[in-house]
C-alpha atoms as a PDB file:
ATOM      1  CA  MET A   1      -0.569   0.207   0.016  1.00  0.00           C
ATOM      2  CA  SER A   2       1.232   3.111  -0.661  1.00  0.00           C
ATOM      3  CA  PRO A   3      -1.116   6.620   0.194  1.00  0.00           C
ATOM      4  CA  THR A   4      -1.046   9.263  -1.291  1.00  0.00           C
ATOM      5  CA  ILE A   5      -0.617  12.473   0.969  1.00  0.00           C
ATOM      6  CA  PHE A   6      -1.103  14.877  -1.290  1.00  0.00           C
ATOM      7  CA  ARG A   7      -0.503  16.190  -4.843  1.00  0.00           C
ATOM      8  CA  ASP A   8       1.008  19.108  -6.050  1.00  0.00           C
ATOM      9  CA  GLY A   9       0.871  19.764 -10.148  1.00  0.00           C
ATOM     10  CA  PRO A  10       2.950  16.748 -11.420  1.00  0.00           C
ATOM     11  CA  TYR A  11       3.686  15.679  -8.085  1.00  0.00           C
ATOM     12  CA  ARG A  12       2.551  12.717  -6.049  1.00  0.00           C
ATOM     13  CA  PHE A  13       4.050  12.539  -2.479  1.00  0.00           C
ATOM     14  CA  PHE A  14       2.935   9.534  -1.110  1.00  0.00           C
ATOM     15  CA  PHE A  15       4.630   6.635   2.071  1.00  0.00           C
ATOM     16  CA  ASN A  16       5.682   3.074   1.312  1.00  0.00           C
ATOM     17  CA  SER A  17       4.196   0.615   3.453  1.00  0.00           C
ATOM     18  CA  ARG A  18       6.725  -1.521   4.894  1.00  0.00           C
ATOM     19  CA  GLU A  19       9.070   0.063   4.090  1.00  0.00           C
ATOM     20  CA  GLU A  20      12.713   1.233   6.852  1.00  0.00           C
ATOM     21  CA  PRO A  21      11.515   2.777   9.221  1.00  0.00           C
ATOM     22  CA  ARG A  22      13.421   5.537   8.581  1.00  0.00           C
ATOM     23  CA  MET A  23      11.082   8.836   8.661  1.00  0.00           C
ATOM     24  CA  HIS A  24      10.941   9.873   4.450  1.00  0.00           C
ATOM     25  CA  VAL A  25       8.666  10.515   1.686  1.00  0.00           C
ATOM     26  CA  HIS A  26       8.564   9.038  -2.569  1.00  0.00           C
ATOM     27  CA  ILE A  27       8.003  11.502  -4.917  1.00  0.00           C
ATOM     28  CA  ALA A  28       6.087  10.378  -8.211  1.00  0.00           C
ATOM     29  CA  THR A  29       6.408  11.965 -11.450  1.00  0.00           C
ATOM     30  CA  ALA A  30       5.235  10.529 -14.945  1.00  0.00           C
ATOM     31  CA  ASP A  31       8.971  10.995 -16.113  1.00  0.00           C
ATOM     32  CA  GLY A  32      10.235  10.008 -12.584  1.00  0.00           C
ATOM     33  CA  THR A  33      10.865   9.270  -8.999  1.00  0.00           C
ATOM     34  CA  ALA A  34      13.179  10.702  -5.646  1.00  0.00           C
ATOM     35  CA  LYS A  35      13.244   9.956  -2.517  1.00  0.00           C
ATOM     36  CA  PHE A  36      14.104  12.114   0.555  1.00  0.00           C
ATOM     37  CA  TRP A  37      14.238  11.513   4.498  1.00  0.00           C
ATOM     38  CA  LEU A  38      12.628  13.757   6.676  1.00  0.00           C
ATOM     39  CA  GLU A  39      15.433  12.727   9.671  1.00  0.00           C
ATOM     40  CA  PRO A  40      17.442  13.461  11.014  1.00  0.00           C
ATOM     41  CA  ILE A  41      17.451  16.626   8.348  1.00  0.00           C
ATOM     42  CA  VAL A  42      15.601  17.017   5.445  1.00  0.00           C
ATOM     43  CA  ALA A  43      17.770  15.333   2.708  1.00  0.00           C
ATOM     44  CA  LEU A  44      17.589  14.082  -0.578  1.00  0.00           C
ATOM     45  CA  ALA A  45      17.865  10.305  -0.750  1.00  0.00           C
ATOM     46  CA  ASP A  46      17.555   8.704  -4.321  1.00  0.00           C
ATOM     47  CA  PHE A  47      15.898   9.680  -7.725  1.00  0.00           C
ATOM     48  CA  TYR A  48      15.235   8.449 -10.937  1.00  0.00           C
ATOM     49  CA  ASN A  49      14.921  10.351 -14.093  1.00  0.00           C
ATOM     50  CA  LEU A  50      14.413  13.525 -12.308  1.00  0.00           C
ATOM     51  CA  SER A  51      16.038  17.091 -13.445  1.00  0.00           C
ATOM     52  CA  THR A  52      17.764  19.718 -11.757  1.00  0.00           C
ATOM     53  CA  LYS A  53      15.498  22.149 -11.496  1.00  0.00           C
ATOM     54  CA  ASP A  54      12.428  19.951 -10.645  1.00  0.00           C
ATOM     55  CA  LEU A  55      14.858  18.532  -7.375  1.00  0.00           C
ATOM     56  CA  ARG A  56      15.059  21.540  -6.216  1.00  0.00           C
ATOM     57  CA  LYS A  57      10.606  22.030  -6.834  1.00  0.00           C
ATOM     58  CA  ILE A  58      10.219  19.111  -5.051  1.00  0.00           C
ATOM     59  CA  GLU A  59      12.827  19.450  -2.369  1.00  0.00           C
ATOM     60  CA  ASN A  60      11.091  23.376  -1.305  1.00  0.00           C
ATOM     61  CA  ILE A  61       7.852  21.621  -1.268  1.00  0.00           C
ATOM     62  CA  VAL A  62       9.183  18.885   1.055  1.00  0.00           C
ATOM     63  CA  ARG A  63      10.529  21.081   3.015  1.00  0.00           C
ATOM     64  CA  GLU A  64       8.226  23.723   3.766  1.00  0.00           C
ATOM     65  CA  ARG A  65       5.639  21.073   4.206  1.00  0.00           C
ATOM     66  CA  GLU A  66       7.428  18.633   6.563  1.00  0.00           C
ATOM     67  CA  ASP A  67       5.793  18.508   9.825  1.00  0.00           C
ATOM     68  CA  GLU A  68       2.418  17.532   7.715  1.00  0.00           C
ATOM     69  CA  PHE A  69       4.579  14.330   5.976  1.00  0.00           C
ATOM     70  CA  ARG A  70       5.944  13.943   9.449  1.00  0.00           C
ATOM     71  CA  SER A  71       2.667  14.260  11.022  1.00  0.00           C
ATOM     72  CA  ALA A  72       1.493  11.456   8.165  1.00  0.00           C
ATOM     73  CA  TRP A  73       4.379   9.577   8.656  1.00  0.00           C
ATOM     74  CA  HIS A  74       3.056   9.218  12.683  1.00  0.00           C
ATOM     75  CA  GLN A  75      -0.477   8.811  11.657  1.00  0.00           C
ATOM     76  CA  HIS A  76      -0.001   6.024   9.209  1.00  0.00           C
ATOM     77  CA  PHE A  77       2.278   4.446  10.641  1.00  0.00           C
ATOM     78  CA  SER A  78       1.289   3.805  13.879  1.00  0.00           C
ATOM     79  CA  GLN A  79      -1.329   2.385  12.919  1.00  0.00           C
END
């Protein structure tokens, strides 16, 4: 199960259930994917087929909505 947290333009932000315990968020577009760590700080973990421009936009969104991601993580994984 991969619950979508929200969408922003072409970006879908979601978690993969049954994955590693370190807090992170996945992002998918029609062109590629990315993964950002949320702890201990927001940082790019991995990406595939995304431009530097897209990665900057995604990172800005993750930073701006970090608290929302953390809250959604705790809500989803505490079930």
